[in-house]
Amino acid sequence: MKFAVEHIGLAARDTVALKDWYVRVLGAREVFNDGKPPPAFLLEIAGGLMIEIYPADLSVAATGNNKLAGWRHLAVRVDSIESTRAELARRGVICDEPIQPAGGGGRVLFFKDSEGNLLHLVERSEGPMLDRQRHEGTVRSAPP
């Protein structure tokens, strides 16, 4: 059996507004619209990952809490956190958290989309531990 991630699902209070946010902020491209009221969308972001945005039946205030059980964030790899943070600010995104070390090497910066869903930028230098382990097919615990 071979698996590959095709898309992630993101239930939204306002599907159109959230779709517009991903298009405006992350440069996503709409590849499908079901035309229903409210509509569901498939968006493609850089790197080929697709996000399915569909109507939510329920929402909770803790959506942006990274410690809430379940899928918690979308990590977007960038070459430079500083330059990407500046561009996001020009697009109206507030990144008020500090830059932190990333698991597996590098740095991360968290921010939220228009509905409070958690994303983060991840910057990794050439050849970090995580990339080597992925290519070698090994799994190692972090050093104590």
Protein backbone atom coordinates (compact mmCIF):
# COMPACT_ATOMS: atom_id res chain seq x y z
CA MET A 1 0.00 0.00 0.00
CA LYS A 2 1.18 3.51 -0.78
CA PHE A 3 -0.26 6.60 0.89
CA ALA A 4 0.07 10.26 -0.06
CA VAL A 5 -1.68 13.24 1.54
CA GLU A 6 -4.09 14.75 -0.98
CA HIS A 7 -5.89 17.35 1.11
CA ILE A 8 -6.81 18.42 4.61
CA GLY A 9 -10.33 19.38 5.62
CA LEU A 10 -11.18 22.66 7.30
CA ALA A 11 -14.74 23.25 8.48
CA ALA A 12 -15.63 26.97 8.46
CA ARG A 13 -18.27 29.27 9.91
CA ASP A 14 -18.03 31.38 6.72
CA THR A 15 -16.62 29.31 3.85
CA VAL A 16 -16.39 32.19 1.39
CA ALA A 17 -14.55 34.51 3.80
CA LEU A 18 -12.12 31.76 4.82
CA LYS A 19 -11.49 30.79 1.18
CA ASP A 20 -10.82 34.44 0.38
CA TRP A 21 -8.34 34.67 3.30
CA TYR A 22 -6.31 31.68 2.04
CA VAL A 23 -6.32 33.06 -1.51
CA ARG A 24 -5.28 36.56 -0.39
CA VAL A 25 -2.78 35.62 2.33
CA LEU A 26 -1.24 32.33 1.18
CA GLY A 27 -1.79 32.69 -2.56
CA ALA A 28 -4.06 29.62 -2.70
CA ARG A 29 -5.76 28.81 -5.98
CA GLU A 30 -9.41 27.73 -6.07
CA VAL A 31 -9.68 24.41 -7.93
CA PHE A 32 -13.28 23.45 -7.04
CA ASN A 33 -16.47 25.16 -5.87
CA ASP A 34 -19.54 22.99 -5.32
CA GLY A 35 -21.87 25.98 -5.91
CA LYS A 36 -24.12 25.14 -2.96
CA PRO A 37 -25.27 27.67 -0.38
CA PRO A 38 -22.94 27.88 1.53
CA PRO A 39 -20.32 26.63 -0.90
CA ALA A 40 -17.52 24.17 -0.26
CA PHE A 41 -14.14 24.69 -1.91
CA LEU A 42 -10.92 22.88 -2.74
CA LEU A 43 -7.92 25.20 -2.71
CA GLU A 44 -4.39 24.36 -3.78
CA ILE A 45 -1.52 26.02 -1.94
CA ALA A 46 2.14 26.18 -2.95
CA GLY A 47 3.73 22.75 -2.85
CA GLY A 48 0.55 21.07 -4.11
CA LEU A 49 -1.29 20.47 -0.82
CA MET A 50 -5.03 21.05 -1.12
CA ILE A 51 -7.31 22.41 1.58
CA GLU A 52 -11.00 21.51 1.51
CA ILE A 53 -13.09 24.28 3.08
CA TYR A 54 -16.63 23.24 3.89
CA PRO A 55 -19.50 24.48 6.12
CA ALA A 56 -19.17 23.80 9.86
CA ASP A 57 -22.05 22.68 12.03
CA LEU A 58 -20.35 23.65 15.30
CA SER A 59 -17.42 25.76 16.46
CA VAL A 60 -15.51 26.10 19.73
CA ALA A 61 -13.46 28.99 21.06
CA ALA A 62 -10.44 26.73 21.67
CA THR A 63 -9.82 26.07 17.95
CA GLY A 64 -6.52 28.00 18.04
CA ASN A 65 -5.21 26.21 21.15
CA ASN A 66 -2.25 24.11 19.96
CA LYS A 67 -2.71 21.70 22.90
CA LEU A 68 -6.35 20.83 22.06
CA ALA A 69 -6.61 17.17 21.02
CA GLY A 70 -6.78 16.54 17.29
CA TRP A 71 -5.16 18.16 14.23
CA ARG A 72 -3.99 21.54 15.47
CA HIS A 73 -2.00 23.48 12.91
CA LEU A 74 -0.89 23.78 9.32
CA ALA A 75 2.86 24.28 8.97
CA VAL A 76 3.97 26.34 5.97
CA ARG A 77 7.64 26.04 5.07
CA VAL A 78 9.38 29.30 4.14
CA ASP A 79 12.92 30.41 3.33
CA SER A 80 12.86 33.34 5.77
CA ILE A 81 10.51 33.83 8.71
CA GLU A 82 11.39 37.53 8.94
CA SER A 83 10.63 38.38 5.31
CA THR A 84 7.48 36.23 5.31
CA ARG A 85 6.31 37.85 8.56
CA ALA A 86 6.75 41.28 6.92
CA GLU A 87 4.75 40.20 3.84
CA LEU A 88 2.01 38.70 6.01
CA ALA A 89 1.82 41.99 7.94
CA ARG A 90 1.30 43.83 4.63
CA ARG A 91 -1.57 41.41 3.99
CA GLY A 92 -3.16 42.20 7.37
CA VAL A 93 -1.97 39.16 9.34
CA ILE A 94 -0.81 39.75 12.91
CA CYS A 95 2.07 37.54 14.07
CA ASP A 96 2.48 38.67 17.67
CA GLU A 97 4.01 35.47 19.08
CA PRO A 98 7.78 35.14 19.40
CA ILE A 99 9.78 33.01 16.97
CA GLN A 100 10.46 29.64 18.63
CA PRO A 101 12.75 26.65 18.01
CA ALA A 102 11.19 24.00 15.74
CA GLY A 103 11.09 20.31 16.56
CA GLY A 104 13.62 18.63 14.28
CA GLY A 105 15.64 21.84 13.86
CA GLY A 106 14.92 25.33 12.59
CA ARG A 107 12.46 27.97 13.78
CA VAL A 108 8.67 28.47 13.81
CA LEU A 109 6.29 31.42 14.05
CA PHE A 110 2.61 30.86 14.86
CA PHE A 111 -0.34 32.90 13.53
CA LYS A 112 -4.07 32.40 12.89
CA ASP A 113 -6.36 32.56 9.89
CA SER A 114 -9.54 34.66 9.80
CA GLU A 115 -11.48 32.03 11.82
CA GLY A 116 -8.80 31.45 14.47
CA ASN A 117 -7.32 28.25 13.02
CA LEU A 118 -3.65 27.88 13.88
CA LEU A 119 -0.88 27.98 11.25
CA HIS A 120 2.83 28.42 11.56
CA LEU A 121 5.74 29.33 9.40
CA VAL A 122 8.64 26.89 9.61
CA GLU A 123 12.15 27.80 8.52
CA ARG A 124 14.76 25.07 8.36
CA SER A 125 18.38 25.51 7.35
CA GLU A 126 20.00 23.33 4.71
CA GLY A 127 20.33 19.76 5.96
CA PRO A 128 18.63 19.90 9.39
CA MET A 129 18.33 16.73 11.46
CA LEU A 130 14.70 16.24 10.42
CA ASP A 131 15.47 16.27 6.68
CA ARG A 132 18.36 13.82 7.12
CA GLN A 133 16.17 11.43 9.11
CA ARG A 134 13.39 11.57 6.50
CA HIS A 135 15.80 10.81 3.65
CA GLU A 136 17.61 8.07 5.57
CA GLY A 137 14.33 6.49 6.69
CA THR A 138 15.37 6.59 10.33
CA VAL A 139 13.49 7.73 13.37
CA ARG A 140 15.46 9.11 16.27
CA SER A 141 14.48 10.57 19.58
CA ALA A 142 15.55 14.12 20.31
CA PRO A 143 18.68 14.32 22.46
CA PRO A 144 17.97 14.61 26.21
